[in-house]
Amino acid sequence: MTNATDQDRVLIFDTTLRDGEQSPGATMTHDEKLEIAELLDEMGVDIIEAGFPIASEGDFKAVTEIAQRSKNSRICGLARANLADIDRCWEAVKHAGKNRIHTFIGTSPLHRAIPNLTMDEMADKIHETVSHARNLCENVQWSPMDATRTEWDYLCRVIEIAIKAGATTINIPDTVGYTAPVESADLIKRLIETVPGADEVVFATHCHNDLGMATANALAAVAGGARQIECTINGLGERAGNTALEEVVMALKTRNDIMPWHTGVDTTRIMHISRRVATVSGFPVQFNKAIVGKNAFAHESGIHQDGMLKNRENFEIMRPEDIGLSGTSLPLGKHSGRAALRDKLNNLGYEVGDNQLKDIFVRFKELADRKKEVFDDDIIALMHSGGDDEDHLQLVSMKVVCGTGGPAESTVEMEIDGKDVSATENGDGPVDATFRAIRALYPTDAHLQLYQVHAVTEGTDAQATVSVRLEEDGMIATGQSANTDTVVASAKAYINALNRLIVRREKAGPGADAREISYKDLT
């Protein structure tokens, strides 16, 4: 495998900004994509798949700017098996110091039927498109989509064609999450042993989580000889998601005794980027999520607590500090000062300037006056509850009357592009009345797809984090806010989502997003 300088090194290929963003409702703004790409670059991800350049003008601009800004990672763009896609991809990624074109086509019988290509016609197209990509870029990745359901002989044939055409990485996608770990390992091993030229390229694995086995399948593929894992932060992705970056990286680090491979990822940045991706995507991390879930390092059982006090290795196979968590759970309170707050923020992975600290401190004091204790998760929620930089709509004040005597009534005062306006509306409960009042002030056809509430911490004084997802003419935007008053958090989250819709209307370029790209123009 001449492309890999170290047989024990596993390359981490992060596709949060491409496959992860294809999760319905997880679309990110241009600035959010740049921010996540910078965090991935800093934490040592080997390859960042920054987007699908031909999907839209917005995606093209994002991939281009990420390529221009990258300092460490190789920047990759996705392209279908046609020359126009590949040319557009190259135009975006060519600005990076290290770049890659990733082109793909569905090779299983089901996927061959979509463009209505025979085996021979598809083989010719693979040779043509991979050759074209290699003429533009020295680093080319090729993927036979739905590889795990492709006939064995044909899969070997097209992989050999791609290698001869110049592909330097062969990715084997389990596109529908159908494979089991023993099959994943065996498939990679057999391909490397069978396909001519396989020892000259890097084999990669891309696993979906439809049956809950994505991480297990990815690690099994590495055992079979793959040396690149495609993954996303928090396991974001189509349907049930992908292999989670944090899971494979920590599995390799924790079980180095039976998995003697390593990565260049700085694990102490994992928790920070996990929480940031959760915020910008609007997809909260489930409490019991491996590695990064709120309960991953929590112990309630008396037996477990006693064991932890004696030796935390009794019930923890990794240290919280390894992923960037503070080693202490001591809460802050209303008597804490700016220095303590800054220290806590630093421990949580946030570096803030004096002006930003001043703003956060004011909101922290307001929260501390309402709560007995302020926990780490409260501080994190505060960090991401200030809204977007370009807020056309802002909540000024609100008052809600509700109870058993009749419909709820909400009076909302907002500032819309600098002008104060107010409205009073009735509704089926306080949240419905509040949303109606907001719509009365800012009429919109946006459809509410998701309204979700969860408590950040415990107790009746806990902050509620509210997530809202809106859809308007095929465009999806999410908003999130945290407050000890659930209705106030709901209003702010709804307004935050509306602000994002406004920004996307202004910034969106022509063309469909990545989820709307099909086999058009393949033939």
Protein backbone atom coordinates (compact mmCIF):
# COMPACT_ATOMS: atom_id res chain seq x y z
CA MET A 1 0.00 0.00 0.00
CA THR A 2 2.33 2.71 -1.25
CA ASN A 3 0.02 5.61 -0.36
CA ALA A 4 0.31 4.91 3.36
CA THR A 5 3.61 5.72 5.00
CA ASP A 6 2.71 3.82 8.14
CA GLN A 7 0.89 0.48 8.14
CA ASP A 8 -0.37 1.21 11.66
CA ARG A 9 -1.81 4.63 10.76
CA VAL A 10 -5.55 4.93 10.12
CA LEU A 11 -6.55 8.02 8.16
CA ILE A 12 -9.63 9.86 9.45
CA PHE A 13 -11.86 11.14 6.65
CA ASP A 14 -14.54 13.41 8.10
CA THR A 15 -17.67 14.01 6.03
CA THR A 16 -19.73 15.99 8.56
CA LEU A 17 -19.93 18.89 6.11
CA ARG A 18 -21.16 16.67 3.26
CA ASP A 19 -22.89 13.46 4.37
CA GLY A 20 -23.58 14.84 7.85
CA GLU A 21 -25.25 17.94 6.42
CA GLN A 22 -27.53 15.68 4.39
CA SER A 23 -29.37 14.76 7.59
CA PRO A 24 -32.82 16.32 7.09
CA GLY A 25 -32.73 19.67 8.87
CA ALA A 26 -28.99 19.71 9.56
CA THR A 27 -28.09 22.24 6.86
CA MET A 28 -25.47 24.72 8.06
CA THR A 29 -24.85 28.33 7.08
CA HIS A 30 -21.71 29.34 5.19
CA ASP A 31 -20.06 30.72 8.32
CA GLU A 32 -20.99 27.64 10.35
CA LYS A 33 -19.36 25.38 7.75
CA LEU A 34 -16.17 27.45 7.88
CA GLU A 35 -16.15 27.25 11.67
CA ILE A 36 -16.61 23.46 11.79
CA ALA A 37 -13.97 22.98 9.06
CA GLU A 38 -11.49 25.04 11.07
CA LEU A 39 -12.17 22.94 14.19
CA LEU A 40 -11.67 19.71 12.20
CA ASP A 41 -8.45 21.09 10.71
CA GLU A 42 -7.13 22.03 14.15
CA MET A 43 -7.95 18.67 15.74
CA GLY A 44 -5.89 16.76 13.17
CA VAL A 45 -8.48 15.20 10.84
CA ASP A 46 -6.57 13.87 7.81
CA ILE A 47 -9.20 14.55 5.13
CA ILE A 48 -12.19 16.89 5.29
CA GLU A 49 -14.92 16.24 2.75
CA ALA A 50 -16.09 19.84 2.67
CA GLY A 51 -19.15 19.43 0.46
CA PHE A 52 -20.71 18.66 -2.91
CA PRO A 53 -19.51 21.59 -5.05
CA ILE A 54 -21.97 21.17 -7.93
CA ALA A 55 -24.99 20.87 -5.60
CA SER A 56 -25.42 24.64 -5.28
CA GLU A 57 -23.53 27.88 -5.59
CA GLY A 58 -23.50 28.07 -1.79
CA ASP A 59 -21.86 24.66 -1.46
CA PHE A 60 -19.28 25.57 -4.12
CA LYS A 61 -18.36 28.77 -2.28
CA ALA A 62 -18.09 26.98 1.05
CA VAL A 63 -15.78 24.25 -0.31
CA THR A 64 -13.67 26.87 -2.09
CA GLU A 65 -13.19 28.99 1.02
CA ILE A 66 -12.50 25.96 3.22
CA ALA A 67 -9.84 24.89 0.71
CA GLN A 68 -8.29 28.35 0.80
CA ARG A 69 -8.25 28.43 4.62
CA SER A 70 -7.07 24.90 5.38
CA LYS A 71 -3.72 24.57 7.13
CA ASN A 72 -3.30 20.88 7.87
CA SER A 73 -6.08 18.70 6.43
CA ARG A 74 -6.51 17.51 2.86
CA ILE A 75 -9.68 19.09 1.45
CA CYS A 76 -11.97 16.87 -0.59
CA GLY A 77 -15.10 17.49 -2.64
CA LEU A 78 -17.66 14.98 -3.88
CA ALA A 79 -18.56 14.51 -7.56
CA ARG A 80 -20.88 12.20 -9.43
CA ALA A 81 -19.54 10.16 -12.33
CA ASN A 82 -19.73 12.87 -14.96
CA LEU A 83 -17.18 15.35 -16.25
CA ALA A 84 -19.11 18.48 -15.27
CA ASP A 85 -19.29 17.40 -11.62
CA ILE A 86 -15.60 16.55 -11.55
CA ASP A 87 -14.57 19.85 -13.17
CA ARG A 88 -16.69 21.81 -10.69
CA CYS A 89 -15.24 19.84 -7.80
CA TRP A 90 -11.69 20.57 -8.95
CA GLU A 91 -12.43 24.29 -9.30
CA ALA A 92 -13.35 24.31 -5.60
CA VAL A 93 -10.67 22.08 -4.05
CA LYS A 94 -7.71 23.19 -6.18
CA HIS A 95 -7.10 26.11 -3.81
CA ALA A 96 -6.05 23.79 -0.96
CA GLY A 97 -2.43 22.96 -0.26
CA LYS A 98 -3.56 19.32 -0.20
CA ASN A 99 -6.66 18.36 -2.15
CA ARG A 100 -8.71 15.40 -3.33
CA ILE A 101 -11.50 14.65 -5.79
CA HIS A 102 -13.96 12.00 -4.62
CA THR A 103 -16.10 10.57 -7.41
CA PHE A 104 -18.68 7.80 -7.11
CA ILE A 105 -21.30 5.74 -8.90
CA GLY A 106 -23.78 3.11 -7.68
CA THR A 107 -22.61 -0.34 -8.78
CA SER A 108 -25.19 -2.72 -7.26
CA PRO A 109 -27.99 -4.09 -9.49
CA LEU A 110 -30.48 -1.74 -7.84
CA HIS A 111 -28.29 1.30 -8.42
CA ARG A 112 -27.26 0.34 -11.95
CA ALA A 113 -30.95 0.36 -12.85
CA ILE A 114 -31.33 4.04 -11.91
CA PRO A 115 -29.25 5.42 -14.83
CA ASN A 116 -30.15 2.31 -16.88
CA LEU A 117 -26.55 1.39 -17.60
CA THR A 118 -25.30 -2.08 -18.49
CA MET A 119 -22.31 -3.48 -16.65
CA ASP A 120 -20.04 -2.68 -19.60
CA GLU A 121 -21.42 0.85 -20.02
CA MET A 122 -20.88 1.57 -16.34
CA ALA A 123 -17.36 0.14 -16.48
CA ASP A 124 -16.53 2.46 -19.38
CA LYS A 125 -17.94 5.44 -17.48
CA ILE A 126 -15.86 4.59 -14.41
CA HIS A 127 -12.69 4.48 -16.49
CA GLU A 128 -13.53 7.76 -18.23
CA THR A 129 -14.45 9.72 -15.10
CA VAL A 130 -11.69 8.46 -12.82
CA SER A 131 -9.12 9.12 -15.56
CA HIS A 132 -10.48 12.65 -15.98
CA ALA A 133 -10.31 13.27 -12.24
CA ARG A 134 -6.72 11.98 -12.07
CA ASN A 135 -5.68 14.27 -14.93
CA LEU A 136 -6.81 17.18 -12.76
CA CYS A 137 -5.75 16.02 -9.30
CA GLU A 138 -3.06 13.60 -8.17
CA ASN A 139 -5.18 12.42 -5.23
CA VAL A 140 -8.42 10.73 -6.36
CA GLN A 141 -10.86 8.69 -4.33
CA TRP A 142 -13.39 6.43 -6.01
CA SER A 143 -16.45 4.82 -4.42
CA PRO A 144 -18.72 2.06 -5.77
CA MET A 145 -21.91 3.15 -3.99
CA ASP A 146 -23.79 0.23 -2.42
CA ALA A 147 -20.62 -1.83 -2.73
CA THR A 148 -21.74 -4.32 -0.10
CA ARG A 149 -24.71 -5.35 -2.29
CA THR A 150 -22.73 -5.45 -5.54
CA GLU A 151 -21.94 -8.81 -7.19
CA TRP A 152 -18.48 -9.99 -6.13
CA ASP A 153 -17.04 -10.46 -9.61
CA TYR A 154 -18.33 -7.10 -10.83
CA LEU A 155 -17.10 -5.30 -7.73
CA CYS A 156 -13.59 -6.69 -8.29
CA ARG A 157 -13.77 -5.73 -11.96
CA VAL A 158 -14.75 -2.08 -11.43
CA ILE A 159 -12.28 -1.59 -8.56
CA GLU A 160 -9.48 -2.83 -10.84
CA ILE A 161 -10.65 -0.40 -13.53
CA ALA A 162 -10.64 2.50 -11.06
CA ILE A 163 -7.14 1.64 -9.84
CA LYS A 164 -5.79 1.42 -13.39
CA ALA A 165 -7.48 4.74 -14.21
CA GLY A 166 -5.56 6.43 -11.39
CA ALA A 167 -7.60 6.23 -8.19
CA THR A 168 -5.35 6.43 -5.15
CA THR A 169 -8.05 5.58 -2.57
CA ILE A 170 -10.78 2.99 -3.02
CA ASN A 171 -13.68 3.52 -0.66
CA ILE A 172 -16.08 0.63 0.03
CA PRO A 173 -19.43 2.07 1.17
CA ASP A 174 -22.00 0.12 3.12
CA THR A 175 -24.54 2.61 1.80
CA VAL A 176 -27.62 1.17 3.48
CA GLY A 177 -26.04 -0.14 6.70
CA TYR A 178 -26.78 -3.76 5.80
CA THR A 179 -23.41 -5.36 6.55
CA ALA A 180 -22.33 -7.15 9.73
CA PRO A 181 -18.79 -6.76 11.15
CA VAL A 182 -17.59 -10.22 10.12
CA GLU A 183 -18.70 -9.49 6.54
CA SER A 184 -17.07 -6.05 6.58
CA ALA A 185 -13.69 -7.42 7.58
CA ASP A 186 -13.89 -10.32 5.12
CA LEU A 187 -14.89 -8.09 2.19
CA ILE A 188 -11.93 -5.73 2.57
CA LYS A 189 -9.51 -8.60 3.13
CA ARG A 190 -10.70 -10.49 0.04
CA LEU A 191 -10.60 -7.38 -2.17
CA ILE A 192 -7.02 -6.60 -1.17
CA GLU A 193 -6.02 -10.21 -1.82
CA THR A 194 -7.92 -10.50 -5.12
CA VAL A 195 -7.89 -7.23 -7.07
CA PRO A 196 -4.72 -6.53 -9.10
CA GLY A 197 -3.03 -3.35 -7.87
CA ALA A 198 -4.90 -3.33 -4.56
CA ASP A 199 -1.63 -3.20 -2.64
CA GLU A 200 -0.83 0.12 -4.34
CA VAL A 201 -3.85 2.05 -2.99
CA VAL A 202 -5.51 2.88 0.31
CA PHE A 203 -8.75 1.04 1.01
CA ALA A 204 -11.37 3.01 2.92
CA THR A 205 -14.66 2.17 4.62
CA HIS A 206 -17.87 4.22 4.80
CA CYS A 207 -20.51 2.66 7.03
CA HIS A 208 -24.08 3.70 7.74
CA ASN A 209 -25.81 2.93 11.00
CA ASP A 210 -29.20 1.56 9.91
CA LEU A 211 -28.74 -1.57 12.04
CA GLY A 212 -26.63 0.14 14.71
CA MET A 213 -23.36 -1.43 13.56
CA ALA A 214 -21.57 1.42 11.75
CA THR A 215 -18.68 1.78 14.20
CA ALA A 216 -18.27 -1.98 14.58
CA ASN A 217 -18.26 -2.40 10.79
CA ALA A 218 -15.69 0.38 10.34
CA LEU A 219 -13.30 -1.10 12.91
CA ALA A 220 -13.79 -4.57 11.43
CA ALA A 221 -12.88 -3.17 8.01
CA VAL A 222 -9.65 -1.80 9.48
CA ALA A 223 -8.93 -5.29 10.83
CA GLY A 224 -9.43 -6.51 7.27
CA GLY A 225 -6.86 -4.06 5.90
CA ALA A 226 -8.68 -0.74 5.37
CA ARG A 227 -6.56 2.24 6.37
CA GLN A 228 -9.12 5.04 6.08
CA ILE A 229 -12.35 5.44 8.03
CA GLU A 230 -15.06 7.79 6.77
CA CYS A 231 -17.03 9.24 9.65
CA THR A 232 -18.90 12.26 10.99
CA ILE A 233 -19.06 14.18 14.25
CA ASN A 234 -21.85 12.77 16.45
CA GLY A 235 -22.55 10.18 13.72
CA LEU A 236 -24.62 12.65 11.65
CA GLY A 237 -25.71 11.48 8.22
CA GLU A 238 -28.46 10.10 6.04
CA ARG A 239 -31.23 8.17 7.83
CA ALA A 240 -29.72 6.63 11.01
CA GLY A 241 -26.37 8.32 10.41
CA ASN A 242 -22.76 7.25 9.93
CA THR A 243 -19.80 5.93 11.83
CA ALA A 244 -19.13 8.48 14.59
CA LEU A 245 -15.64 9.99 14.58
CA GLU A 246 -15.46 10.13 18.36
CA GLU A 247 -16.32 6.44 18.67
CA VAL A 248 -13.70 5.08 16.26
CA VAL A 249 -10.95 7.38 17.49
CA MET A 250 -11.51 6.57 21.16
CA ALA A 251 -11.95 2.85 20.41
CA LEU A 252 -8.55 2.82 18.69
CA LYS A 253 -7.00 4.73 21.57
CA THR A 254 -8.62 2.72 24.37
CA ARG A 255 -8.21 -0.78 22.87
CA ASN A 256 -4.76 -0.41 21.37
CA ASP A 257 -4.00 -3.87 22.77
CA ILE A 258 -6.21 -5.62 20.21
CA MET A 259 -6.42 -2.78 17.63
CA PRO A 260 -2.78 -1.68 17.22
CA TRP A 261 -3.54 1.29 14.99
CA HIS A 262 -3.41 5.00 15.65
CA THR A 263 -4.69 8.30 14.29
CA GLY A 264 -3.44 11.87 14.39
CA VAL A 265 -6.64 13.24 15.95
CA ASP A 266 -6.31 15.38 19.09
CA THR A 267 -8.93 13.68 21.25
CA THR A 268 -9.04 16.51 23.81
CA ARG A 269 -10.98 18.58 21.23
CA ILE A 270 -13.69 15.97 20.72
CA MET A 271 -16.23 17.21 23.25
CA HIS A 272 -15.98 20.82 22.11
CA ILE A 273 -16.56 20.06 18.43
CA SER A 274 -19.30 17.55 19.30
CA ARG A 275 -21.25 20.19 21.17
CA ARG A 276 -20.63 22.83 18.52
CA VAL A 277 -21.86 20.55 15.72
CA ALA A 278 -24.93 19.71 17.83
CA THR A 279 -25.66 23.42 18.14
CA VAL A 280 -25.21 24.48 14.53
CA SER A 281 -26.98 21.40 13.13
CA GLY A 282 -29.86 21.56 15.59
CA PHE A 283 -29.40 17.85 16.40
CA PRO A 284 -28.93 17.48 20.19
CA VAL A 285 -26.69 14.63 21.28
CA GLN A 286 -28.66 11.88 23.00
CA PHE A 287 -27.85 11.61 26.70
CA ASN A 288 -26.57 8.02 26.48
CA LYS A 289 -24.54 8.55 23.29
CA ALA A 290 -21.18 6.79 23.47
CA ILE A 291 -18.21 9.04 24.35
CA VAL A 292 -19.94 12.43 24.06
CA GLY A 293 -23.38 11.89 25.60
CA LYS A 294 -24.27 13.77 28.76
CA ASN A 295 -24.42 10.50 30.74
CA ALA A 296 -21.26 8.94 29.27
CA PHE A 297 -19.31 9.81 32.43
CA ALA A 298 -22.24 10.00 34.87
CA HIS A 299 -22.73 7.50 37.72
CA GLU A 300 -25.97 7.28 39.72
CA SER A 301 -25.93 3.78 41.19
CA GLY A 302 -24.69 3.69 44.79
CA ILE A 303 -22.46 0.72 43.98
CA HIS A 304 -20.95 2.58 41.03
CA GLN A 305 -20.47 5.75 43.06
CA ASP A 306 -18.69 3.85 45.81
CA GLY A 307 -16.48 2.14 43.26
CA MET A 308 -15.66 5.45 41.58
CA LEU A 309 -14.65 7.02 44.90
CA LYS A 310 -12.25 4.16 45.53
CA ASN A 311 -10.83 4.03 41.98
CA ARG A 312 -12.54 5.56 38.98
CA GLU A 313 -11.08 2.86 36.72
CA ASN A 314 -13.62 0.53 38.34
CA PHE A 315 -16.32 2.00 36.11
CA GLU A 316 -14.58 4.21 33.54
CA ILE A 317 -12.48 2.80 30.70
CA MET A 318 -11.34 6.27 29.61
CA ARG A 319 -10.78 9.58 31.32
CA PRO A 320 -13.14 12.52 30.79
CA GLU A 321 -10.04 14.66 30.26
CA ASP A 322 -9.11 12.55 27.23
CA ILE A 323 -12.01 14.04 25.26
CA GLY A 324 -11.74 17.55 26.67
CA LEU A 325 -14.11 17.33 29.62
CA SER A 326 -13.16 19.00 32.87
CA GLY A 327 -12.09 16.54 35.54
CA THR A 328 -14.42 18.17 38.07
CA SER A 329 -18.19 18.55 38.32
CA LEU A 330 -18.11 21.39 40.87
CA PRO A 331 -20.79 23.90 39.85
CA LEU A 332 -20.50 27.66 39.61
CA GLY A 333 -22.93 29.90 41.51
CA LYS A 334 -24.13 33.46 41.81
CA HIS A 335 -21.13 34.42 43.94
CA SER A 336 -18.63 33.36 41.27
CA GLY A 337 -16.64 36.07 39.51
CA ARG A 338 -15.37 36.68 35.98
CA ALA A 339 -12.08 34.88 36.66
CA ALA A 340 -13.87 31.72 37.74
CA LEU A 341 -16.17 31.89 34.74
CA ARG A 342 -13.26 32.38 32.33
CA ASP A 343 -11.42 29.43 33.91
CA LYS A 344 -14.51 27.26 33.56
CA LEU A 345 -14.92 28.28 29.91
CA ASN A 346 -11.25 27.46 29.24
CA ASN A 347 -11.69 24.05 30.84
CA LEU A 348 -14.69 23.45 28.58
CA GLY A 349 -12.66 24.36 25.48
CA TYR A 350 -13.85 27.94 24.92
CA GLU A 351 -11.46 30.85 24.52
CA VAL A 352 -13.29 34.17 24.77
CA GLY A 353 -12.23 37.79 24.54
CA ASP A 354 -12.97 40.40 27.20
CA ASN A 355 -16.05 41.79 25.44
CA GLN A 356 -17.53 38.34 24.84
CA LEU A 357 -16.79 37.36 28.45
CA LYS A 358 -18.61 40.48 29.64
CA ASP A 359 -21.74 39.52 27.69
CA ILE A 360 -21.63 35.90 28.85
CA PHE A 361 -21.02 36.98 32.45
CA VAL A 362 -24.17 39.13 32.48
CA ARG A 363 -26.28 36.21 31.22
CA PHE A 364 -24.49 33.86 33.65
CA LYS A 365 -25.39 36.10 36.60
CA GLU A 366 -29.01 36.29 35.46
CA LEU A 367 -29.12 32.50 35.29
CA ALA A 368 -27.34 32.06 38.63
CA ASP A 369 -29.93 34.28 40.33
CA ARG A 370 -32.67 31.91 39.13
CA LYS A 371 -30.86 28.64 39.85
CA LYS A 372 -29.34 27.12 42.95
CA GLU A 373 -26.48 25.62 40.96
CA VAL A 374 -25.04 26.28 37.51
CA PHE A 375 -23.51 23.21 35.90
CA ASP A 376 -21.12 22.73 32.97
CA ASP A 377 -24.00 22.02 30.61
CA ASP A 378 -25.67 25.27 31.69
CA ILE A 379 -22.51 27.19 30.76
CA ILE A 380 -22.34 25.46 27.38
CA ALA A 381 -25.99 26.28 26.72
CA LEU A 382 -25.29 29.93 27.58
CA MET A 383 -22.44 29.98 25.06
CA HIS A 384 -24.80 29.07 22.24
CA SER A 385 -27.98 30.92 23.21
CA GLY A 386 -27.00 34.40 22.03
CA GLY A 387 -28.39 34.06 18.48
CA ASP A 388 -26.78 34.62 15.10
CA ASP A 389 -24.64 37.59 14.15
CA GLU A 390 -27.16 38.78 11.57
CA ASP A 391 -30.41 38.91 13.55
CA HIS A 392 -33.16 40.64 11.61
CA LEU A 393 -35.65 39.59 14.29
CA GLN A 394 -35.05 40.03 18.01
CA LEU A 395 -37.23 39.29 21.02
CA VAL A 396 -37.67 42.38 23.20
CA SER A 397 -40.20 41.12 25.75
CA MET A 398 -43.10 38.74 26.16
CA LYS A 399 -45.94 38.02 28.56
CA VAL A 400 -48.03 34.87 28.62
CA VAL A 401 -51.31 34.17 30.42
CA CYS A 402 -52.46 30.54 30.57
CA GLY A 403 -54.40 28.18 32.77
CA THR A 404 -57.63 26.19 32.98
CA GLY A 405 -59.96 29.15 32.43
CA GLY A 406 -59.63 29.49 28.67
CA PRO A 407 -57.19 29.69 25.76
CA ALA A 408 -53.64 30.86 26.43
CA GLU A 409 -52.75 34.42 25.49
CA SER A 410 -49.30 35.67 24.55
CA THR A 411 -48.17 39.26 24.04
CA VAL A 412 -44.86 39.47 22.18
CA GLU A 413 -42.78 42.56 21.54
CA MET A 414 -40.08 42.24 18.89
CA GLU A 415 -37.57 44.39 17.09
CA ILE A 416 -37.71 43.75 13.34
CA ASP A 417 -34.89 45.41 11.41
CA GLY A 418 -34.65 48.12 14.07
CA LYS A 419 -38.39 48.78 14.46
CA ASP A 420 -40.30 47.82 17.63
CA VAL A 421 -43.59 46.02 17.03
CA SER A 422 -45.93 44.00 19.25
CA ALA A 423 -48.87 41.63 18.92
CA THR A 424 -51.21 39.62 21.15
CA GLU A 425 -52.56 36.24 20.06
CA ASN A 426 -54.48 33.33 21.59
CA GLY A 427 -53.50 29.73 21.12
CA ASP A 428 -53.80 26.13 22.25
CA GLY A 429 -51.33 26.52 25.09
CA PRO A 430 -48.62 29.12 25.80
CA VAL A 431 -46.16 27.97 23.14
CA ASP A 432 -48.78 27.89 20.39
CA ALA A 433 -50.01 31.36 21.38
CA THR A 434 -46.45 32.68 21.38
CA PHE A 435 -45.66 31.25 17.96
CA ARG A 436 -48.90 32.73 16.62
CA ALA A 437 -47.91 36.15 17.97
CA ILE A 438 -44.48 35.90 16.34
CA ARG A 439 -46.09 34.95 13.01
CA ALA A 440 -48.48 37.89 13.33
CA LEU A 441 -45.49 40.22 13.59
CA TYR A 442 -43.47 38.42 10.92
CA PRO A 443 -45.81 36.54 8.55
CA THR A 444 -44.23 33.41 7.10
CA ASP A 445 -45.24 30.25 5.26
CA ALA A 446 -42.53 28.28 7.05
CA HIS A 447 -43.83 24.93 8.33
CA LEU A 448 -42.88 23.80 11.83
CA GLN A 449 -41.30 20.36 11.33
CA LEU A 450 -39.87 19.80 14.81
CA TYR A 451 -40.40 21.23 18.27
CA GLN A 452 -38.28 19.54 20.93
CA VAL A 453 -37.60 20.38 24.57
CA HIS A 454 -35.14 18.83 26.96
CA ALA A 455 -33.77 19.89 30.33
CA VAL A 456 -30.08 20.78 30.36
CA THR A 457 -29.70 19.87 34.04
CA GLU A 458 -31.85 18.43 36.80
CA GLY A 459 -34.53 20.03 38.96
CA THR A 460 -37.49 22.36 38.55
CA ASP A 461 -35.14 25.30 38.02
CA ALA A 462 -33.30 23.57 35.18
CA GLN A 463 -32.66 25.33 31.91
CA ALA A 464 -34.77 24.06 29.06
CA THR A 465 -33.07 23.74 25.71
CA VAL A 466 -35.59 24.06 22.89
CA SER A 467 -34.88 23.00 19.31
CA VAL A 468 -37.08 24.19 16.44
CA ARG A 469 -36.91 23.09 12.81
CA LEU A 470 -38.69 25.09 10.08
CA GLU A 471 -39.20 24.25 6.40
CA GLU A 472 -40.00 26.79 3.71
CA ASP A 473 -40.06 25.95 -0.02
CA GLY A 474 -37.67 23.04 0.48
CA MET A 475 -35.28 25.11 2.60
CA ILE A 476 -34.79 23.89 6.18
CA ALA A 477 -33.49 25.92 9.11
CA THR A 478 -33.07 25.05 12.77
CA GLY A 479 -32.99 27.22 15.87
CA GLN A 480 -32.03 26.49 19.44
CA SER A 481 -32.16 28.39 22.70
CA ALA A 482 -31.86 27.70 26.41
CA ASN A 483 -33.67 29.39 29.30
CA THR A 484 -35.12 28.43 32.66
CA ASP A 485 -38.47 29.57 31.22
CA THR A 486 -39.48 27.00 28.60
CA VAL A 487 -41.82 29.39 26.78
CA VAL A 488 -39.13 32.08 26.53
CA ALA A 489 -36.67 29.47 25.23
CA SER A 490 -39.31 28.37 22.71
CA ALA A 491 -39.84 31.92 21.44
CA LYS A 492 -36.12 32.54 21.09
CA ALA A 493 -35.54 29.22 19.31
CA TYR A 494 -38.41 29.96 16.88
CA ILE A 495 -37.05 33.45 16.17
CA ASN A 496 -33.53 32.03 15.78
CA ALA A 497 -34.80 29.60 13.14
CA LEU A 498 -36.61 32.43 11.33
CA ASN A 499 -33.40 34.47 11.34
CA ARG A 500 -31.56 31.56 9.75
CA LEU A 501 -34.22 31.26 7.07
CA ILE A 502 -33.81 34.96 6.30
CA VAL A 503 -30.03 34.62 6.06
CA ARG A 504 -30.34 31.58 3.80
CA ARG A 505 -32.75 33.38 1.50
CA GLU A 506 -30.17 36.15 1.15
CA LYS A 507 -27.12 33.90 0.78
CA ALA A 508 -28.48 30.88 -1.11
CA GLY A 509 -27.17 30.54 -4.65
CA PRO A 510 -28.95 28.91 -7.59
CA GLY A 511 -29.31 25.14 -7.75
CA ALA A 512 -30.54 22.39 -5.48
CA ASP A 513 -28.89 21.24 -2.30
CA ALA A 514 -26.96 17.98 -2.00
CA ARG A 515 -30.03 15.90 -1.11
CA GLU A 516 -31.60 16.77 -4.47
CA ILE A 517 -28.63 15.65 -6.59
CA SER A 518 -29.51 12.51 -8.54
CA TYR A 519 -28.19 10.49 -11.46
CA LYS A 520 -29.14 13.28 -13.87
CA ASP A 521 -26.55 13.73 -16.65
CA LEU A 522 -24.86 10.41 -15.87
CA THR A 523 -25.71 9.04 -19.29
